[in-house]
Every structure is written in structure tokens, then in C-alpha cells.
Amino acid sequence: MHTFKDMVDKYWRSAGLEDMECLAEKIDWFAEEVRKTNPELVEKFLMKIDLLLNPHFTKESAEHAVSKMVNKDGTRGEHWTYEQTSDVLKDQGYECNEADWYYVLNMIYSDYYKAGRSTDTYVELAHDFLTDFDAPECKAKKYFWGMHE
């Protein structure tokens, strides 16, 4: 039997849009069948596809990633909502992907929490993380995958 990669390598050269839509439907069907017995595997697979297709976080993928955070202060998930982080981004005049910003600001809080530390400190650290001049493009999502692959 051929591997999936072998079949796709052969198929994509001659496939049209309808063929690709049919392939996507078959893969979706398979993923939903696997989800019934191994939802974590399907989640990981879909997030890898999302990383391939979207180098930056989307609102949905960022919210998913943040929901999995175990924070240093003993809480879980987001410390700031997407809307709150978007407001900070706008107020500061920073130019970066909103979803990346949401993920990074919450990640910085999650990993570097200290009692008494100001919100401004987390904002500054998150901005430094995203504007690191020698970091790769789309650093936020690459960092997430480096930590969770």
C-alpha cells in the first residue's frame, strides 16, 4: 500500500479544484472518525495544518492555545481577553498581528508572573518578544509549536 504522501504527490499534479475539494472532504471525514477515539491526535493534526496554512495565529487558534495555558499564578487560560489585548495593542500604537499579540501577552503573563508586577511590564516584555530583531518571522506561532509539538 502507498503512503498518503505518495498518493497526494501523484494526485496534486493532475488535480483540479473539484478534486482538491473532494480530497479535503475525505480528509475531514477521516479526521472526524479519528476524533471519536483520539480527539487529542486530531487537534494536534489540525493545529499543524493551521500552522502550515497560517503562519500567524488566527483569533481561533490563539484562543485555543491560550486556553491550554497553566499560569504561574495558579490560574489557567487567559489573563486578558482578546478584546482587552486588542485595546492595549491599539492604545500603544504597536503594529503586529492581533492574534499573535493576544497569545504572546497572555504567554508572558503565564510564564513570567510575579506578584506586584505591573501590566505595563508584561506589555513591554510581550512587545520585546514580538519585535526581537534577530527572531524569525511569525515568531509567536513558531514559539508555540516549539513548545507544544
N, C-alpha and C. Protein backbone atom coordinates (compact mmCIF):
# COMPACT_ATOMS: atom_id res chain seq x y z
N MET A 1 0.85 -1.19 0.00
CA MET A 1 0.00 0.00 0.00
C MET A 1 0.89 1.24 0.00
N HIS A 2 0.47 2.23 -0.73
CA HIS A 2 1.19 3.52 -0.79
C HIS A 2 0.96 4.31 0.49
N THR A 3 1.87 5.21 0.76
CA THR A 3 1.64 6.15 1.86
C THR A 3 0.72 7.26 1.38
N PHE A 4 0.15 7.98 2.31
CA PHE A 4 -0.71 9.12 1.97
C PHE A 4 0.09 10.14 1.17
N LYS A 5 1.32 10.38 1.59
CA LYS A 5 2.17 11.35 0.89
C LYS A 5 2.40 10.92 -0.54
N ASP A 6 2.67 9.65 -0.78
CA ASP A 6 2.86 9.16 -2.16
C ASP A 6 1.61 9.42 -3.01
N MET A 7 0.45 9.13 -2.44
CA MET A 7 -0.79 9.34 -3.19
C MET A 7 -1.02 10.82 -3.50
N VAL A 8 -0.79 11.68 -2.52
CA VAL A 8 -1.01 13.11 -2.73
C VAL A 8 0.01 13.67 -3.71
N ASP A 9 1.28 13.23 -3.61
CA ASP A 9 2.30 13.70 -4.55
C ASP A 9 1.90 13.39 -5.99
N LYS A 10 1.35 12.22 -6.21
CA LYS A 10 0.93 11.81 -7.54
C LYS A 10 -0.34 12.56 -7.96
N TYR A 11 -1.26 12.74 -7.02
CA TYR A 11 -2.58 13.30 -7.28
C TYR A 11 -2.56 14.79 -7.59
N TRP A 12 -1.79 15.57 -6.84
CA TRP A 12 -1.87 17.02 -6.95
C TRP A 12 -1.42 17.53 -8.30
N ARG A 13 -0.57 16.79 -8.98
CA ARG A 13 -0.07 17.25 -10.28
C ARG A 13 -1.18 17.34 -11.33
N SER A 14 -2.19 16.49 -11.20
CA SER A 14 -3.26 16.47 -12.20
C SER A 14 -4.61 16.91 -11.64
N ALA A 15 -4.66 17.25 -10.39
CA ALA A 15 -5.93 17.56 -9.74
C ALA A 15 -6.41 18.96 -10.06
N GLY A 16 -7.71 19.08 -10.19
CA GLY A 16 -8.35 20.38 -10.35
C GLY A 16 -8.96 20.80 -9.02
N LEU A 17 -9.63 21.94 -9.01
CA LEU A 17 -10.24 22.46 -7.80
C LEU A 17 -11.27 21.48 -7.22
N GLU A 18 -12.10 20.90 -8.06
CA GLU A 18 -13.09 19.94 -7.58
C GLU A 18 -12.43 18.74 -6.92
N ASP A 19 -11.35 18.27 -7.53
CA ASP A 19 -10.61 17.13 -6.96
C ASP A 19 -10.05 17.47 -5.60
N MET A 20 -9.50 18.68 -5.47
CA MET A 20 -8.93 19.10 -4.19
C MET A 20 -10.02 19.27 -3.13
N GLU A 21 -11.18 19.77 -3.53
CA GLU A 21 -12.30 19.87 -2.59
C GLU A 21 -12.74 18.48 -2.12
N CYS A 22 -12.77 17.53 -3.03
CA CYS A 22 -13.13 16.15 -2.69
C CYS A 22 -12.10 15.56 -1.72
N LEU A 23 -10.82 15.80 -1.99
CA LEU A 23 -9.77 15.33 -1.10
C LEU A 23 -9.93 15.93 0.29
N ALA A 24 -10.22 17.23 0.35
CA ALA A 24 -10.42 17.89 1.65
C ALA A 24 -11.59 17.27 2.40
N GLU A 25 -12.66 16.95 1.68
CA GLU A 25 -13.82 16.30 2.32
C GLU A 25 -13.45 14.94 2.88
N LYS A 26 -12.65 14.17 2.14
CA LYS A 26 -12.23 12.84 2.61
C LYS A 26 -11.33 12.95 3.84
N ILE A 27 -10.43 13.91 3.84
CA ILE A 27 -9.55 14.10 4.99
C ILE A 27 -10.37 14.55 6.20
N ASP A 28 -11.34 15.43 5.97
CA ASP A 28 -12.20 15.88 7.05
C ASP A 28 -13.00 14.71 7.63
N TRP A 29 -13.54 13.87 6.75
CA TRP A 29 -14.28 12.69 7.21
C TRP A 29 -13.38 11.81 8.09
N PHE A 30 -12.15 11.57 7.61
CA PHE A 30 -11.21 10.73 8.35
C PHE A 30 -10.88 11.35 9.71
N ALA A 31 -10.63 12.65 9.73
CA ALA A 31 -10.31 13.33 10.99
C ALA A 31 -11.46 13.20 11.98
N GLU A 32 -12.68 13.34 11.51
CA GLU A 32 -13.83 13.24 12.41
C GLU A 32 -14.03 11.81 12.92
N GLU A 33 -13.70 10.82 12.11
CA GLU A 33 -13.76 9.42 12.57
C GLU A 33 -12.71 9.18 13.66
N VAL A 34 -11.50 9.68 13.44
CA VAL A 34 -10.42 9.52 14.43
C VAL A 34 -10.75 10.29 15.70
N ARG A 35 -11.39 11.46 15.56
CA ARG A 35 -11.75 12.28 16.73
C ARG A 35 -12.59 11.49 17.74
N LYS A 36 -13.39 10.56 17.25
CA LYS A 36 -14.26 9.77 18.13
C LYS A 36 -13.46 8.96 19.15
N THR A 37 -12.26 8.54 18.78
CA THR A 37 -11.45 7.72 19.68
C THR A 37 -10.17 8.41 20.16
N ASN A 38 -9.73 9.44 19.42
CA ASN A 38 -8.48 10.11 19.79
C ASN A 38 -8.56 11.60 19.46
N PRO A 39 -9.37 12.35 20.21
CA PRO A 39 -9.55 13.78 19.89
C PRO A 39 -8.26 14.58 19.99
N GLU A 40 -7.35 14.20 20.89
CA GLU A 40 -6.10 14.95 21.04
C GLU A 40 -5.25 14.84 19.78
N LEU A 41 -5.23 13.66 19.16
CA LEU A 41 -4.46 13.47 17.93
C LEU A 41 -5.02 14.33 16.80
N VAL A 42 -6.33 14.40 16.69
CA VAL A 42 -6.96 15.22 15.65
C VAL A 42 -6.67 16.69 15.91
N GLU A 43 -6.76 17.11 17.16
CA GLU A 43 -6.46 18.51 17.50
C GLU A 43 -5.03 18.86 17.11
N LYS A 44 -4.10 17.99 17.41
CA LYS A 44 -2.69 18.24 17.06
C LYS A 44 -2.52 18.29 15.54
N PHE A 45 -3.16 17.38 14.83
CA PHE A 45 -3.09 17.35 13.37
C PHE A 45 -3.63 18.64 12.76
N LEU A 46 -4.81 19.07 13.22
CA LEU A 46 -5.42 20.28 12.67
C LEU A 46 -4.60 21.53 13.01
N MET A 47 -4.01 21.56 14.19
CA MET A 47 -3.16 22.70 14.54
C MET A 47 -1.91 22.72 13.66
N LYS A 48 -1.36 21.56 13.31
CA LYS A 48 -0.20 21.52 12.41
C LYS A 48 -0.58 22.02 11.03
N ILE A 49 -1.76 21.65 10.57
CA ILE A 49 -2.24 22.14 9.27
C ILE A 49 -2.44 23.66 9.35
N ASP A 50 -3.00 24.14 10.45
CA ASP A 50 -3.19 25.57 10.64
C ASP A 50 -1.85 26.30 10.60
N LEU A 51 -0.84 25.74 11.23
CA LEU A 51 0.49 26.35 11.22
C LEU A 51 1.03 26.43 9.79
N LEU A 52 0.81 25.38 9.04
CA LEU A 52 1.28 25.35 7.65
C LEU A 52 0.57 26.41 6.80
N LEU A 53 -0.74 26.52 6.97
CA LEU A 53 -1.53 27.41 6.13
C LEU A 53 -1.56 28.85 6.63
N ASN A 54 -1.41 29.05 7.94
CA ASN A 54 -1.48 30.37 8.56
C ASN A 54 -0.25 30.57 9.46
N PRO A 55 0.78 31.23 8.97
CA PRO A 55 1.98 31.37 9.80
C PRO A 55 1.78 32.21 11.06
N HIS A 56 0.76 33.06 11.06
CA HIS A 56 0.40 33.81 12.25
C HIS A 56 -0.78 33.12 12.92
N PHE A 57 -0.97 33.39 14.19
CA PHE A 57 -2.17 32.91 14.86
C PHE A 57 -3.40 33.56 14.22
N THR A 58 -4.48 32.84 14.21
CA THR A 58 -5.79 33.41 13.95
C THR A 58 -6.42 33.63 15.32
N LYS A 59 -7.51 34.35 15.38
CA LYS A 59 -8.18 34.55 16.67
C LYS A 59 -8.51 33.20 17.29
N GLU A 60 -9.03 32.29 16.48
CA GLU A 60 -9.44 30.98 16.98
C GLU A 60 -8.25 30.15 17.46
N SER A 61 -7.17 30.12 16.68
CA SER A 61 -6.03 29.31 17.10
C SER A 61 -5.34 29.91 18.32
N ALA A 62 -5.31 31.24 18.41
CA ALA A 62 -4.71 31.89 19.59
C ALA A 62 -5.54 31.62 20.83
N GLU A 63 -6.86 31.74 20.71
CA GLU A 63 -7.72 31.46 21.86
C GLU A 63 -7.58 30.00 22.30
N HIS A 64 -7.44 29.11 21.35
CA HIS A 64 -7.23 27.70 21.69
C HIS A 64 -5.91 27.53 22.45
N ALA A 65 -4.84 28.10 21.91
CA ALA A 65 -3.53 27.97 22.55
C ALA A 65 -3.54 28.56 23.96
N VAL A 66 -4.14 29.72 24.11
CA VAL A 66 -4.18 30.39 25.42
C VAL A 66 -5.03 29.59 26.40
N SER A 67 -6.08 28.96 25.92
CA SER A 67 -6.95 28.18 26.82
C SER A 67 -6.22 27.02 27.47
N LYS A 68 -5.12 26.58 26.87
CA LYS A 68 -4.34 25.45 27.39
C LYS A 68 -3.27 25.88 28.39
N MET A 69 -3.09 27.17 28.59
CA MET A 69 -2.01 27.66 29.45
C MET A 69 -2.29 27.34 30.92
N VAL A 70 -1.23 26.90 31.59
CA VAL A 70 -1.24 26.74 33.05
C VAL A 70 -0.34 27.85 33.56
N ASN A 71 -0.93 28.82 34.23
CA ASN A 71 -0.24 30.04 34.59
C ASN A 71 0.53 29.91 35.90
N LYS A 72 1.62 30.62 35.97
CA LYS A 72 2.49 30.62 37.14
C LYS A 72 1.76 31.10 38.40
N ASP A 73 0.70 31.88 38.22
CA ASP A 73 -0.05 32.38 39.38
C ASP A 73 -1.08 31.37 39.89
N GLY A 74 -1.13 30.18 39.28
CA GLY A 74 -2.05 29.13 39.72
C GLY A 74 -3.36 29.08 38.95
N THR A 75 -3.59 30.03 38.05
CA THR A 75 -4.80 30.03 37.24
C THR A 75 -4.53 29.29 35.93
N ARG A 76 -5.57 29.15 35.14
CA ARG A 76 -5.45 28.51 33.82
C ARG A 76 -6.06 29.43 32.77
N GLY A 77 -5.51 29.37 31.57
CA GLY A 77 -6.10 30.10 30.45
C GLY A 77 -5.74 31.57 30.44
N GLU A 78 -6.59 32.34 29.79
CA GLU A 78 -6.27 33.75 29.56
C GLU A 78 -6.31 34.57 30.85
N HIS A 79 -5.40 35.53 30.91
CA HIS A 79 -5.44 36.53 31.97
C HIS A 79 -6.16 37.77 31.42
N TRP A 80 -5.93 38.05 30.13
CA TRP A 80 -6.59 39.14 29.45
C TRP A 80 -7.38 38.58 28.27
N THR A 81 -8.56 39.11 28.03
CA THR A 81 -9.38 38.68 26.90
C THR A 81 -8.77 39.19 25.59
N TYR A 82 -9.25 38.63 24.51
CA TYR A 82 -8.82 39.07 23.19
C TYR A 82 -9.11 40.56 23.00
N GLU A 83 -10.27 40.97 23.42
CA GLU A 83 -10.66 42.38 23.28
C GLU A 83 -9.76 43.29 24.10
N GLN A 84 -9.44 42.87 25.34
CA GLN A 84 -8.55 43.68 26.18
C GLN A 84 -7.16 43.81 25.55
N THR A 85 -6.63 42.71 25.04
CA THR A 85 -5.29 42.78 24.44
C THR A 85 -5.31 43.61 23.16
N SER A 86 -6.41 43.52 22.41
CA SER A 86 -6.54 44.34 21.20
C SER A 86 -6.56 45.82 21.54
N ASP A 87 -7.26 46.17 22.62
CA ASP A 87 -7.29 47.57 23.06
C ASP A 87 -5.90 48.06 23.44
N VAL A 88 -5.14 47.23 24.16
CA VAL A 88 -3.78 47.60 24.55
C VAL A 88 -2.91 47.80 23.31
N LEU A 89 -3.05 46.90 22.36
CA LEU A 89 -2.28 46.99 21.12
C LEU A 89 -2.55 48.32 20.42
N LYS A 90 -3.81 48.67 20.33
CA LYS A 90 -4.21 49.93 19.68
C LYS A 90 -3.72 51.13 20.50
N ASP A 91 -3.93 51.07 21.82
CA ASP A 91 -3.52 52.19 22.69
C ASP A 91 -2.02 52.44 22.63
N GLN A 92 -1.24 51.37 22.52
CA GLN A 92 0.21 51.51 22.48
C GLN A 92 0.72 51.92 21.10
N GLY A 93 -0.12 51.73 20.09
CA GLY A 93 0.30 52.05 18.73
C GLY A 93 1.24 51.01 18.13
N TYR A 94 1.27 49.82 18.70
CA TYR A 94 2.11 48.75 18.17
C TYR A 94 1.50 48.18 16.91
N GLU A 95 2.35 47.78 16.00
CA GLU A 95 1.89 47.18 14.76
C GLU A 95 2.33 45.73 14.71
N CYS A 96 1.39 44.86 14.99
CA CYS A 96 1.64 43.42 14.88
C CYS A 96 0.29 42.71 14.75
N ASN A 97 0.36 41.46 14.43
CA ASN A 97 -0.85 40.66 14.28
C ASN A 97 -1.59 40.60 15.62
N GLU A 98 -2.88 40.94 15.62
CA GLU A 98 -3.67 40.99 16.85
C GLU A 98 -3.70 39.65 17.59
N ALA A 99 -3.86 38.58 16.84
CA ALA A 99 -3.94 37.26 17.47
C ALA A 99 -2.59 36.85 18.06
N ASP A 100 -1.49 37.17 17.36
CA ASP A 100 -0.16 36.91 17.91
C ASP A 100 0.02 37.68 19.22
N TRP A 101 -0.40 38.95 19.21
CA TRP A 101 -0.29 39.80 20.40
C TRP A 101 -1.07 39.21 21.57
N TYR A 102 -2.30 38.78 21.32
CA TYR A 102 -3.13 38.16 22.36
C TYR A 102 -2.42 36.95 22.96
N TYR A 103 -1.90 36.09 22.09
CA TYR A 103 -1.19 34.89 22.57
C TYR A 103 0.04 35.29 23.39
N VAL A 104 0.87 36.17 22.83
CA VAL A 104 2.14 36.50 23.48
C VAL A 104 1.93 37.23 24.80
N LEU A 105 1.02 38.18 24.85
CA LEU A 105 0.80 38.90 26.11
C LEU A 105 0.33 37.94 27.20
N ASN A 106 -0.57 37.03 26.86
CA ASN A 106 -1.01 36.04 27.84
C ASN A 106 0.09 35.03 28.18
N MET A 107 0.90 34.67 27.20
CA MET A 107 2.01 33.74 27.44
C MET A 107 3.04 34.37 28.37
N ILE A 108 3.36 35.64 28.15
CA ILE A 108 4.32 36.33 29.02
C ILE A 108 3.80 36.36 30.45
N TYR A 109 2.52 36.69 30.61
CA TYR A 109 1.93 36.69 31.95
C TYR A 109 1.99 35.28 32.54
N SER A 110 1.62 34.30 31.76
CA SER A 110 1.58 32.91 32.24
C SER A 110 2.94 32.44 32.73
N ASP A 111 3.97 32.75 31.96
CA ASP A 111 5.31 32.23 32.26
C ASP A 111 6.13 33.11 33.21
N TYR A 112 5.85 34.40 33.23
CA TYR A 112 6.71 35.33 33.99
C TYR A 112 5.97 36.08 35.09
N TYR A 113 4.84 35.57 35.51
CA TYR A 113 4.07 36.22 36.56
C TYR A 113 4.91 36.40 37.82
N LYS A 114 4.80 37.58 38.42
CA LYS A 114 5.35 37.87 39.75
C LYS A 114 4.36 38.80 40.43
N ALA A 115 4.07 38.51 41.68
CA ALA A 115 3.15 39.36 42.45
C ALA A 115 3.68 40.79 42.43
N GLY A 116 2.80 41.73 42.18
CA GLY A 116 3.18 43.14 42.19
C GLY A 116 3.71 43.66 40.87
N ARG A 117 3.96 42.78 39.92
CA ARG A 117 4.47 43.23 38.62
C ARG A 117 3.35 43.96 37.89
N SER A 118 3.65 45.08 37.28
CA SER A 118 2.63 45.90 36.63
C SER A 118 2.26 45.34 35.25
N THR A 119 1.06 45.67 34.83
CA THR A 119 0.62 45.29 33.49
C THR A 119 1.56 45.88 32.45
N ASP A 120 2.05 47.09 32.69
CA ASP A 120 2.98 47.73 31.74
C ASP A 120 4.22 46.88 31.51
N THR A 121 4.69 46.19 32.55
CA THR A 121 5.87 45.33 32.40
C THR A 121 5.57 44.18 31.46
N TYR A 122 4.41 43.54 31.62
CA TYR A 122 4.04 42.44 30.73
C TYR A 122 3.88 42.93 29.29
N VAL A 123 3.31 44.11 29.13
CA VAL A 123 3.13 44.69 27.80
C VAL A 123 4.49 44.93 27.16
N GLU A 124 5.41 45.50 27.91
CA GLU A 124 6.75 45.76 27.38
C GLU A 124 7.47 44.47 27.00
N LEU A 125 7.38 43.46 27.86
CA LEU A 125 8.03 42.17 27.57
C LEU A 125 7.41 41.51 26.34
N ALA A 126 6.08 41.58 26.21
CA ALA A 126 5.42 40.98 25.04
C ALA A 126 5.84 41.71 23.76
N HIS A 127 5.92 43.02 23.83
CA HIS A 127 6.36 43.79 22.66
C HIS A 127 7.80 43.44 22.30
N ASP A 128 8.66 43.33 23.30
CA ASP A 128 10.06 42.94 23.06
C ASP A 128 10.13 41.56 22.42
N PHE A 129 9.30 40.64 22.88
CA PHE A 129 9.28 39.28 22.33
C PHE A 129 8.94 39.33 20.84
N LEU A 130 7.91 40.09 20.50
CA LEU A 130 7.45 40.11 19.11
C LEU A 130 8.32 40.95 18.18
N THR A 131 9.09 41.87 18.72
CA THR A 131 9.92 42.74 17.87
C THR A 131 11.40 42.40 17.96
N ASP A 132 11.72 41.26 18.50
CA ASP A 132 13.11 40.80 18.60
C ASP A 132 13.72 40.80 17.19
N PHE A 133 14.71 41.65 16.96
CA PHE A 133 15.22 41.89 15.61
C PHE A 133 15.87 40.67 14.97
N ASP A 134 16.39 39.73 15.75
CA ASP A 134 17.03 38.57 15.13
C ASP A 134 16.18 37.30 15.21
N ALA A 135 14.91 37.48 15.52
CA ALA A 135 13.99 36.34 15.59
C ALA A 135 13.40 36.06 14.21
N PRO A 136 12.94 34.84 13.99
CA PRO A 136 12.32 34.53 12.70
C PRO A 136 10.96 35.22 12.57
N GLU A 137 10.53 35.39 11.32
CA GLU A 137 9.18 35.91 11.09
C GLU A 137 8.18 34.97 11.73
N CYS A 138 7.06 35.52 12.12
CA CYS A 138 5.96 34.73 12.70
C CYS A 138 6.43 33.99 13.95
N LYS A 139 7.22 34.67 14.77
CA LYS A 139 7.84 34.07 15.94
C LYS A 139 6.83 33.50 16.93
N ALA A 140 5.70 34.15 17.12
CA ALA A 140 4.75 33.72 18.14
C ALA A 140 4.28 32.30 17.90
N LYS A 141 3.82 32.02 16.71
CA LYS A 141 3.29 30.70 16.43
C LYS A 141 4.40 29.65 16.37
N LYS A 142 5.55 30.03 15.86
CA LYS A 142 6.69 29.10 15.85
C LYS A 142 7.10 28.75 17.28
N TYR A 143 7.09 29.74 18.15
CA TYR A 143 7.42 29.50 19.56
C TYR A 143 6.42 28.53 20.17
N PHE A 144 5.14 28.77 19.92
CA PHE A 144 4.10 27.88 20.44
C PHE A 144 4.35 26.46 19.98
N TRP A 145 4.60 26.27 18.71
CA TRP A 145 4.82 24.91 18.21
C TRP A 145 6.11 24.30 18.73
N GLY A 146 7.12 25.12 18.92
CA GLY A 146 8.35 24.61 19.52
C GLY A 146 8.13 24.08 20.92
N MET A 147 7.20 24.69 21.62
CA MET A 147 6.90 24.29 22.99
C MET A 147 5.91 23.13 23.05
N HIS A 148 5.07 22.95 22.04
CA HIS A 148 3.95 22.01 22.15
C HIS A 148 3.90 20.94 21.08
N GLU A 149 4.88 20.84 20.25
CA GLU A 149 4.82 19.85 19.18
C GLU A 149 5.01 18.45 19.71
